[in-house]
Amino acid sequence: MLNLQTVLVCVGVVLILLVAYRFLFNPQVLLGGIHSEGTTCPTHWKYIDGLCKPSYETSCMPFDPFVITSKVSGCNLARTCGTDWPGKCV
């Protein structure tokens, strides 16, 4: 029979591993997702001098892609600018 101390230690270890996975070993960084050209900026935009800049005529302004934290807001921005954003738009 499991005692309370063993259960609490197991739960604590699992929580520590989940926090470490999420904040220390961010899978997007480890897999190159954030810094690869395909997902740093929307399609047909280039990452230059810390900003995503369009490579086509648009009324959209360059922006810092690391300020956008949610997939939904990134996808909405890309679609508003007439393009797509791999990794953010599903």
PDB file of N, CA and C in Angstrom:
ATOM      1  N   MET A   1       0.845  -1.179   0.000  1.00  0.00           N
ATOM      2  CA  MET A   1       0.000   0.000   0.000  1.00  0.00           C
ATOM      3  C   MET A   1       0.889   1.240   0.000  1.00  0.00           C
ATOM      4  N   LEU A   2       0.516   2.187  -0.823  1.00  0.00           N
ATOM      5  CA  LEU A   2       1.282   3.427  -0.921  1.00  0.00           C
ATOM      6  C   LEU A   2       0.966   4.338   0.254  1.00  0.00           C
ATOM      7  N   ASN A   3       2.001   4.944   0.779  1.00  0.00           N
ATOM      8  CA  ASN A   3       1.736   5.894   1.858  1.00  0.00           C
ATOM      9  C   ASN A   3       1.679   7.315   1.303  1.00  0.00           C
ATOM     10  N   LEU A   4       1.200   8.229   2.073  1.00  0.00           N
ATOM     11  CA  LEU A   4       0.984   9.610   1.645  1.00  0.00           C
ATOM     12  C   LEU A   4       2.282  10.293   1.237  1.00  0.00           C
ATOM     13  N   GLN A   5       3.358  10.002   1.928  1.00  0.00           N
ATOM     14  CA  GLN A   5       4.642  10.636   1.617  1.00  0.00           C
ATOM     15  C   GLN A   5       5.121  10.241   0.220  1.00  0.00           C
ATOM     16  N   THR A   6       4.987   8.994  -0.161  1.00  0.00           N
ATOM     17  CA  THR A   6       5.397   8.531  -1.486  1.00  0.00           C
ATOM     18  C   THR A   6       4.567   9.207  -2.572  1.00  0.00           C
ATOM     19  N   VAL A   7       3.286   9.311  -2.366  1.00  0.00           N
ATOM     20  CA  VAL A   7       2.402   9.959  -3.339  1.00  0.00           C
ATOM     21  C   VAL A   7       2.777  11.427  -3.497  1.00  0.00           C
ATOM     22  N   LEU A   8       2.999  12.125  -2.401  1.00  0.00           N
ATOM     23  CA  LEU A   8       3.356  13.544  -2.472  1.00  0.00           C
ATOM     24  C   LEU A   8       4.699  13.757  -3.166  1.00  0.00           C
ATOM     25  N   VAL A   9       5.660  12.900  -2.922  1.00  0.00           N
ATOM     26  CA  VAL A   9       6.965  13.008  -3.586  1.00  0.00           C
ATOM     27  C   VAL A   9       6.806  12.791  -5.089  1.00  0.00           C
ATOM     28  N   CYS A  10       6.026  11.803  -5.480  1.00  0.00           N
ATOM     29  CA  CYS A  10       5.797  11.543  -6.911  1.00  0.00           C
ATOM     30  C   CYS A  10       5.106  12.724  -7.588  1.00  0.00           C
ATOM     31  N   VAL A  11       4.092  13.270  -6.957  1.00  0.00           N
ATOM     32  CA  VAL A  11       3.388  14.429  -7.516  1.00  0.00           C
ATOM     33  C   VAL A  11       4.340  15.616  -7.625  1.00  0.00           C
ATOM     34  N   GLY A  12       5.159  15.839  -6.609  1.00  0.00           N
ATOM     35  CA  GLY A  12       6.125  16.941  -6.640  1.00  0.00           C
ATOM     36  C   GLY A  12       7.141  16.786  -7.754  1.00  0.00           C
ATOM     37  N   VAL A  13       7.652  15.581  -7.949  1.00  0.00           N
ATOM     38  CA  VAL A  13       8.632  15.335  -9.015  1.00  0.00           C
ATOM     39  C   VAL A  13       7.997  15.562 -10.382  1.00  0.00           C
ATOM     40  N   VAL A  14       6.790  15.087 -10.573  1.00  0.00           N
ATOM     41  CA  VAL A  14       6.102  15.290 -11.854  1.00  0.00           C
ATOM     42  C   VAL A  14       5.889  16.779 -12.113  1.00  0.00           C
ATOM     43  N   LEU A  15       5.474  17.534 -11.121  1.00  0.00           N
ATOM     44  CA  LEU A  15       5.273  18.977 -11.290  1.00  0.00           C
ATOM     45  C   LEU A  15       6.583  19.684 -11.624  1.00  0.00           C
ATOM     46  N   ILE A  16       7.654  19.313 -10.964  1.00  0.00           N
ATOM     47  CA  ILE A  16       8.960  19.919 -11.257  1.00  0.00           C
ATOM     48  C   ILE A  16       9.385  19.605 -12.685  1.00  0.00           C
ATOM     49  N   LEU A  17       9.183  18.371 -13.128  1.00  0.00           N
ATOM     50  CA  LEU A  17       9.536  18.005 -14.502  1.00  0.00           C
ATOM     51  C   LEU A  17       8.694  18.770 -15.522  1.00  0.00           C
ATOM     52  N   LEU A  18       7.400  18.937 -15.246  1.00  0.00           N
ATOM     53  CA  LEU A  18       6.544  19.694 -16.163  1.00  0.00           C
ATOM     54  C   LEU A  18       6.965  21.156 -16.253  1.00  0.00           C
ATOM     55  N   VAL A  19       7.279  21.761 -15.130  1.00  0.00           N
ATOM     56  CA  VAL A  19       7.730  23.157 -15.125  1.00  0.00           C
ATOM     57  C   VAL A  19       9.061  23.278 -15.858  1.00  0.00           C
ATOM     58  N   ALA A  20       9.980  22.350 -15.617  1.00  0.00           N
ATOM     59  CA  ALA A  20      11.275  22.381 -16.305  1.00  0.00           C
ATOM     60  C   ALA A  20      11.089  22.213 -17.803  1.00  0.00           C
ATOM     61  N   TYR A  21      10.214  21.321 -18.213  1.00  0.00           N
ATOM     62  CA  TYR A  21       9.958  21.106 -19.638  1.00  0.00           C
ATOM     63  C   TYR A  21       9.380  22.353 -20.283  1.00  0.00           C
ATOM     64  N   ARG A  22       8.460  22.987 -19.605  1.00  0.00           N
ATOM     65  CA  ARG A  22       7.773  24.153 -20.180  1.00  0.00           C
ATOM     66  C   ARG A  22       8.654  25.393 -20.210  1.00  0.00           C
ATOM     67  N   PHE A  23       9.403  25.663 -19.151  1.00  0.00           N
ATOM     68  CA  PHE A  23      10.116  26.927 -19.048  1.00  0.00           C
ATOM     69  C   PHE A  23      11.621  26.821 -19.280  1.00  0.00           C
ATOM     70  N   LEU A  24      12.220  25.692 -18.985  1.00  0.00           N
ATOM     71  CA  LEU A  24      13.662  25.566 -19.180  1.00  0.00           C
ATOM     72  C   LEU A  24      14.015  24.919 -20.509  1.00  0.00           C
ATOM     73  N   PHE A  25      13.270  23.917 -20.885  1.00  0.00           N
ATOM     74  CA  PHE A  25      13.545  23.190 -22.122  1.00  0.00           C
ATOM     75  C   PHE A  25      12.393  23.389 -23.090  1.00  0.00           C
ATOM     76  N   ASN A  26      12.110  24.633 -23.428  1.00  0.00           N
ATOM     77  CA  ASN A  26      11.005  24.961 -24.324  1.00  0.00           C
ATOM     78  C   ASN A  26      11.166  24.176 -25.618  1.00  0.00           C
ATOM     79  N   PRO A  27      10.230  23.289 -25.953  1.00  0.00           N
ATOM     80  CA  PRO A  27      10.393  22.441 -27.130  1.00  0.00           C
ATOM     81  C   PRO A  27      10.507  23.221 -28.434  1.00  0.00           C
ATOM     82  N   GLN A  28       9.898  24.392 -28.528  1.00  0.00           N
ATOM     83  CA  GLN A  28      10.026  25.177 -29.751  1.00  0.00           C
ATOM     84  C   GLN A  28      11.451  25.654 -29.948  1.00  0.00           C
ATOM     85  N   VAL A  29      12.135  25.997 -28.885  1.00  0.00           N
ATOM     86  CA  VAL A  29      13.517  26.445 -28.988  1.00  0.00           C
ATOM     87  C   VAL A  29      14.424  25.270 -29.300  1.00  0.00           C
ATOM     88  N   LEU A  30      14.217  24.139 -28.623  1.00  0.00           N
ATOM     89  CA  LEU A  30      15.063  22.973 -28.842  1.00  0.00           C
ATOM     90  C   LEU A  30      14.941  22.438 -30.258  1.00  0.00           C
ATOM     91  N   LEU A  31      13.754  22.513 -30.834  1.00  0.00           N
ATOM     92  CA  LEU A  31      13.546  22.019 -32.183  1.00  0.00           C
ATOM     93  C   LEU A  31      13.851  23.067 -33.239  1.00  0.00           C
ATOM     94  N   GLY A  32      14.230  24.253 -32.846  1.00  0.00           N
ATOM     95  CA  GLY A  32      14.554  25.301 -33.800  1.00  0.00           C
ATOM     96  C   GLY A  32      13.342  26.012 -34.344  1.00  0.00           C
ATOM     97  N   GLY A  33      12.187  25.825 -33.738  1.00  0.00           N
ATOM     98  CA  GLY A  33      10.972  26.421 -34.274  1.00  0.00           C
ATOM     99  C   GLY A  33      10.939  27.928 -34.183  1.00  0.00           C
ATOM    100  N   ILE A  34      11.404  28.489 -33.092  1.00  0.00           N
ATOM    101  CA  ILE A  34      11.322  29.933 -32.928  1.00  0.00           C
ATOM    102  C   ILE A  34      12.322  30.652 -33.819  1.00  0.00           C
ATOM    103  N   HIS A  35      13.499  30.103 -33.971  1.00  0.00           N
ATOM    104  CA  HIS A  35      14.539  30.808 -34.698  1.00  0.00           C
ATOM    105  C   HIS A  35      14.684  30.369 -36.147  1.00  0.00           C
ATOM    106  N   SER A  36      13.913  29.405 -36.589  1.00  0.00           N
ATOM    107  CA  SER A  36      14.013  29.021 -37.985  1.00  0.00           C
ATOM    108  C   SER A  36      13.222  30.017 -38.828  1.00  0.00           C
ATOM    109  N   GLU A  37      13.680  30.252 -40.038  1.00  0.00           N
ATOM    110  CA  GLU A  37      13.082  31.284 -40.878  1.00  0.00           C
ATOM    111  C   GLU A  37      11.615  31.013 -41.168  1.00  0.00           C
ATOM    112  N   GLY A  38      11.237  29.742 -41.252  1.00  0.00           N
ATOM    113  CA  GLY A  38       9.870  29.396 -41.599  1.00  0.00           C
ATOM    114  C   GLY A  38       8.844  29.784 -40.562  1.00  0.00           C
ATOM    115  N   THR A  39       9.209  29.890 -39.301  1.00  0.00           N
ATOM    116  CA  THR A  39       8.206  30.179 -38.291  1.00  0.00           C
ATOM    117  C   THR A  39       8.479  31.449 -37.498  1.00  0.00           C
ATOM    118  N   THR A  40       9.623  32.070 -37.679  1.00  0.00           N
ATOM    119  CA  THR A  40       9.892  33.307 -36.952  1.00  0.00           C
ATOM    120  C   THR A  40       8.951  34.401 -37.419  1.00  0.00           C
ATOM    121  N   CYS A  41       8.699  34.443 -38.696  1.00  0.00           N
ATOM    122  CA  CYS A  41       7.840  35.472 -39.298  1.00  0.00           C
ATOM    123  C   CYS A  41       6.786  34.812 -40.179  1.00  0.00           C
ATOM    124  N   PRO A  42       5.746  35.560 -40.509  1.00  0.00           N
ATOM    125  CA  PRO A  42       4.747  35.028 -41.441  1.00  0.00           C
ATOM    126  C   PRO A  42       5.363  34.723 -42.808  1.00  0.00           C
ATOM    127  N   THR A  43       4.639  33.954 -43.603  1.00  0.00           N
ATOM    128  CA  THR A  43       5.077  33.626 -44.957  1.00  0.00           C
ATOM    129  C   THR A  43       5.291  34.912 -45.756  1.00  0.00           C
ATOM    130  N   HIS A  44       6.385  34.959 -46.501  1.00  0.00           N
ATOM    131  CA  HIS A  44       6.781  36.103 -47.336  1.00  0.00           C
ATOM    132  C   HIS A  44       7.221  37.306 -46.514  1.00  0.00           C
ATOM    133  N   TRP A  45       7.568  37.093 -45.273  1.00  0.00           N
ATOM    134  CA  TRP A  45       8.166  38.126 -44.434  1.00  0.00           C
ATOM    135  C   TRP A  45       9.554  37.645 -44.057  1.00  0.00           C
ATOM    136  N   LYS A  46      10.479  38.558 -43.872  1.00  0.00           N
ATOM    137  CA  LYS A  46      11.863  38.223 -43.516  1.00  0.00           C
ATOM    138  C   LYS A  46      12.202  38.804 -42.154  1.00  0.00           C
ATOM    139  N   TYR A  47      12.989  38.060 -41.385  1.00  0.00           N
ATOM    140  CA  TYR A  47      13.450  38.523 -40.077  1.00  0.00           C
ATOM    141  C   TYR A  47      14.737  39.313 -40.284  1.00  0.00           C
ATOM    142  N   ILE A  48      14.650  40.637 -40.146  1.00  0.00           N
ATOM    143  CA  ILE A  48      15.789  41.527 -40.385  1.00  0.00           C
ATOM    144  C   ILE A  48      15.886  42.518 -39.229  1.00  0.00           C
ATOM    145  N   ASP A  49      17.067  42.607 -38.634  1.00  0.00           N
ATOM    146  CA  ASP A  49      17.328  43.571 -37.553  1.00  0.00           C
ATOM    147  C   ASP A  49      16.323  43.470 -36.404  1.00  0.00           C
ATOM    148  N   GLY A  50      15.929  42.258 -36.049  1.00  0.00           N
ATOM    149  CA  GLY A  50      15.037  42.060 -34.915  1.00  0.00           C
ATOM    150  C   GLY A  50      13.567  42.278 -35.211  1.00  0.00           C
ATOM    151  N   LEU A  51      13.230  42.515 -36.477  1.00  0.00           N
ATOM    152  CA  LEU A  51      11.833  42.737 -36.849  1.00  0.00           C
ATOM    153  C   LEU A  51      11.447  41.850 -38.023  1.00  0.00           C
ATOM    154  N   CYS A  52      10.186  41.476 -38.090  1.00  0.00           N
ATOM    155  CA  CYS A  52       9.647  40.825 -39.278  1.00  0.00           C
ATOM    156  C   CYS A  52       9.240  41.928 -40.241  1.00  0.00           C
ATOM    157  N   LYS A  53       9.798  41.868 -41.454  1.00  0.00           N
ATOM    158  CA  LYS A  53       9.511  42.896 -42.459  1.00  0.00           C
ATOM    159  C   LYS A  53       8.937  42.232 -43.701  1.00  0.00           C
ATOM    160  N   PRO A  54       7.888  42.830 -44.287  1.00  0.00           N
ATOM    161  CA  PRO A  54       7.255  42.217 -45.456  1.00  0.00           C
ATOM    162  C   PRO A  54       8.149  42.300 -46.684  1.00  0.00           C
ATOM    163  N   SER A  55       8.077  41.268 -47.514  1.00  0.00           N
ATOM    164  CA  SER A  55       8.822  41.277 -48.773  1.00  0.00           C
ATOM    165  C   SER A  55       7.871  41.524 -49.945  1.00  0.00           C
ATOM    166  N   TYR A  56       6.719  42.091 -49.653  1.00  0.00           N
ATOM    167  CA  TYR A  56       5.735  42.439 -50.676  1.00  0.00           C
ATOM    168  C   TYR A  56       5.037  43.727 -50.252  1.00  0.00           C
ATOM    169  N   GLU A  57       4.334  44.334 -51.159  1.00  0.00           N
ATOM    170  CA  GLU A  57       3.636  45.597 -50.886  1.00  0.00           C
ATOM    171  C   GLU A  57       2.444  45.333 -49.971  1.00  0.00           C
ATOM    172  N   THR A  58       2.443  45.997 -48.819  1.00  0.00           N
ATOM    173  CA  THR A  58       1.360  45.840 -47.855  1.00  0.00           C
ATOM    174  C   THR A  58       1.279  47.084 -46.981  1.00  0.00           C
ATOM    175  N   SER A  59       0.132  47.290 -46.384  1.00  0.00           N
ATOM    176  CA  SER A  59      -0.014  48.413 -45.456  1.00  0.00           C
ATOM    177  C   SER A  59       0.450  48.031 -44.050  1.00  0.00           C
ATOM    178  N   CYS A  60       0.791  46.769 -43.846  1.00  0.00           N
ATOM    179  CA  CYS A  60       1.244  46.298 -42.529  1.00  0.00           C
ATOM    180  C   CYS A  60       2.661  46.775 -42.246  1.00  0.00           C
ATOM    181  N   MET A  61       2.906  47.096 -40.994  1.00  0.00           N
ATOM    182  CA  MET A  61       4.207  47.607 -40.562  1.00  0.00           C
ATOM    183  C   MET A  61       5.073  46.470 -40.014  1.00  0.00           C
ATOM    184  N   PRO A  62       6.413  46.623 -40.072  1.00  0.00           N
ATOM    185  CA  PRO A  62       7.302  45.636 -39.443  1.00  0.00           C
ATOM    186  C   PRO A  62       7.005  45.528 -37.945  1.00  0.00           C
ATOM    187  N   PHE A  63       7.245  44.344 -37.388  1.00  0.00           N
ATOM    188  CA  PHE A  63       6.956  44.120 -35.973  1.00  0.00           C
ATOM    189  C   PHE A  63       7.960  43.137 -35.384  1.00  0.00           C
ATOM    190  N   ASP A  64       8.056  43.164 -34.054  1.00  0.00           N
ATOM    191  CA  ASP A  64       8.915  42.234 -33.319  1.00  0.00           C
ATOM    192  C   ASP A  64       8.116  40.951 -33.088  1.00  0.00           C
ATOM    193  N   PRO A  65       8.521  39.829 -33.691  1.00  0.00           N
ATOM    194  CA  PRO A  65       7.723  38.604 -33.580  1.00  0.00           C
ATOM    195  C   PRO A  65       7.720  37.994 -32.184  1.00  0.00           C
ATOM    196  N   PHE A  66       8.683  38.351 -31.347  1.00  0.00           N
ATOM    197  CA  PHE A  66       8.762  37.749 -30.024  1.00  0.00           C
ATOM    198  C   PHE A  66       7.842  38.444 -29.020  1.00  0.00           C
ATOM    199  N   VAL A  67       7.205  39.548 -29.440  1.00  0.00           N
ATOM    200  CA  VAL A  67       6.216  40.222 -28.600  1.00  0.00           C
ATOM    201  C   VAL A  67       4.883  39.479 -28.682  1.00  0.00           C
ATOM    202  N   ILE A  68       4.626  38.844 -29.804  1.00  0.00           N
ATOM    203  CA  ILE A  68       3.380  38.104 -30.001  1.00  0.00           C
ATOM    204  C   ILE A  68       3.512  36.761 -29.293  1.00  0.00           C
ATOM    205  N   THR A  69       2.715  36.561 -28.271  1.00  0.00           N
ATOM    206  CA  THR A  69       2.873  35.366 -27.446  1.00  0.00           C
ATOM    207  C   THR A  69       1.856  34.273 -27.740  1.00  0.00           C
ATOM    208  N   SER A  70       0.733  34.607 -28.351  1.00  0.00           N
ATOM    209  CA  SER A  70      -0.270  33.569 -28.604  1.00  0.00           C
ATOM    210  C   SER A  70      -0.350  33.248 -30.090  1.00  0.00           C
ATOM    211  N   LYS A  71      -0.696  32.004 -30.381  1.00  0.00           N
ATOM    212  CA  LYS A  71      -0.839  31.572 -31.767  1.00  0.00           C
ATOM    213  C   LYS A  71      -1.989  32.305 -32.453  1.00  0.00           C
ATOM    214  N   VAL A  72      -3.058  32.526 -31.719  1.00  0.00           N
ATOM    215  CA  VAL A  72      -4.239  33.168 -32.299  1.00  0.00           C
ATOM    216  C   VAL A  72      -3.918  34.589 -32.747  1.00  0.00           C
ATOM    217  N   SER A  73      -3.243  35.367 -31.902  1.00  0.00           N
ATOM    218  CA  SER A  73      -2.934  36.748 -32.284  1.00  0.00           C
ATOM    219  C   SER A  73      -1.940  36.782 -33.437  1.00  0.00           C
ATOM    220  N   GLY A  74      -0.981  35.861 -33.461  1.00  0.00           N
ATOM    221  CA  GLY A  74      -0.035  35.799 -34.576  1.00  0.00           C
ATOM    222  C   GLY A  74      -0.724  35.443 -35.877  1.00  0.00           C
ATOM    223  N   CYS A  75      -1.624  34.493 -35.820  1.00  0.00           N
ATOM    224  CA  CYS A  75      -2.362  34.088 -37.016  1.00  0.00           C
ATOM    225  C   CYS A  75      -3.277  35.207 -37.499  1.00  0.00           C
ATOM    226  N   ASN A  76      -3.955  35.888 -36.577  1.00  0.00           N
ATOM    227  CA  ASN A  76      -4.818  37.009 -36.964  1.00  0.00           C
ATOM    228  C   ASN A  76      -4.013  38.115 -37.634  1.00  0.00           C
ATOM    229  N   LEU A  77      -2.837  38.415 -37.094  1.00  0.00           N
ATOM    230  CA  LEU A  77      -1.978  39.433 -37.696  1.00  0.00           C
ATOM    231  C   LEU A  77      -1.576  39.031 -39.106  1.00  0.00           C
ATOM    232  N   ALA A  78      -1.143  37.789 -39.273  1.00  0.00           N
ATOM    233  CA  ALA A  78      -0.716  37.324 -40.592  1.00  0.00           C
ATOM    234  C   ALA A  78      -1.864  37.381 -41.593  1.00  0.00           C
ATOM    235  N   ARG A  79      -3.023  36.928 -41.202  1.00  0.00           N
ATOM    236  CA  ARG A  79      -4.164  36.922 -42.127  1.00  0.00           C
ATOM    237  C   ARG A  79      -4.643  38.336 -42.438  1.00  0.00           C
ATOM    238  N   THR A  80      -4.540  39.240 -41.471  1.00  0.00           N
ATOM    239  CA  THR A  80      -4.878  40.639 -41.729  1.00  0.00           C
ATOM    240  C   THR A  80      -3.940  41.225 -42.776  1.00  0.00           C
ATOM    241  N   CYS A  81      -2.697  40.762 -42.769  1.00  0.00           N
ATOM    242  CA  CYS A  81      -1.700  41.250 -43.728  1.00  0.00           C
ATOM    243  C   CYS A  81      -1.710  40.446 -45.023  1.00  0.00           C
ATOM    244  N   GLY A  82      -2.655  39.539 -45.189  1.00  0.00           N
ATOM    245  CA  GLY A  82      -2.819  38.812 -46.437  1.00  0.00           C
ATOM    246  C   GLY A  82      -1.876  37.640 -46.618  1.00  0.00           C
ATOM    247  N   THR A  83      -1.438  37.035 -45.530  1.00  0.00           N
ATOM    248  CA  THR A  83      -0.533  35.897 -45.636  1.00  0.00           C
ATOM    249  C   THR A  83      -0.874  34.864 -44.573  1.00  0.00           C
ATOM    250  N   ASP A  84       0.013  33.914 -44.374  1.00  0.00           N
ATOM    251  CA  ASP A  84      -0.172  32.838 -43.410  1.00  0.00           C
ATOM    252  C   ASP A  84       1.049  32.795 -42.506  1.00  0.00           C
ATOM    253  N   TRP A  85       0.957  32.114 -41.365  1.00  0.00           N
ATOM    254  CA  TRP A  85       2.094  32.010 -40.458  1.00  0.00           C
ATOM    255  C   TRP A  85       2.226  30.559 -40.018  1.00  0.00           C
ATOM    256  N   PRO A  86       3.109  29.786 -40.661  1.00  0.00           N
ATOM    257  CA  PRO A  86       3.291  28.380 -40.277  1.00  0.00           C
ATOM    258  C   PRO A  86       3.648  28.265 -38.797  1.00  0.00           C
ATOM    259  N   GLY A  87       3.000  27.359 -38.121  1.00  0.00           N
ATOM    260  CA  GLY A  87       3.234  27.169 -36.702  1.00  0.00           C
ATOM    261  C   GLY A  87       2.253  27.938 -35.834  1.00  0.00           C
ATOM    262  N   LYS A  88       1.634  28.970 -36.386  1.00  0.00           N
ATOM    263  CA  LYS A  88       0.641  29.739 -35.626  1.00  0.00           C
ATOM    264  C   LYS A  88      -0.756  29.532 -36.208  1.00  0.00           C
ATOM    265  N   CYS A  89      -0.877  29.482 -37.519  1.00  0.00           N
ATOM    266  CA  CYS A  89      -2.173  29.253 -38.164  1.00  0.00           C
ATOM    267  C   CYS A  89      -2.328  27.757 -38.432  1.00  0.00           C
ATOM    268  N   VAL A  90      -3.420  27.197 -37.930  1.00  0.00           N
ATOM    269  CA  VAL A  90      -3.645  25.757 -38.093  1.00  0.00           C
ATOM    270  C   VAL A  90      -4.682  25.527 -39.160  1.00  0.00           C
TER     271      VAL A  90
END
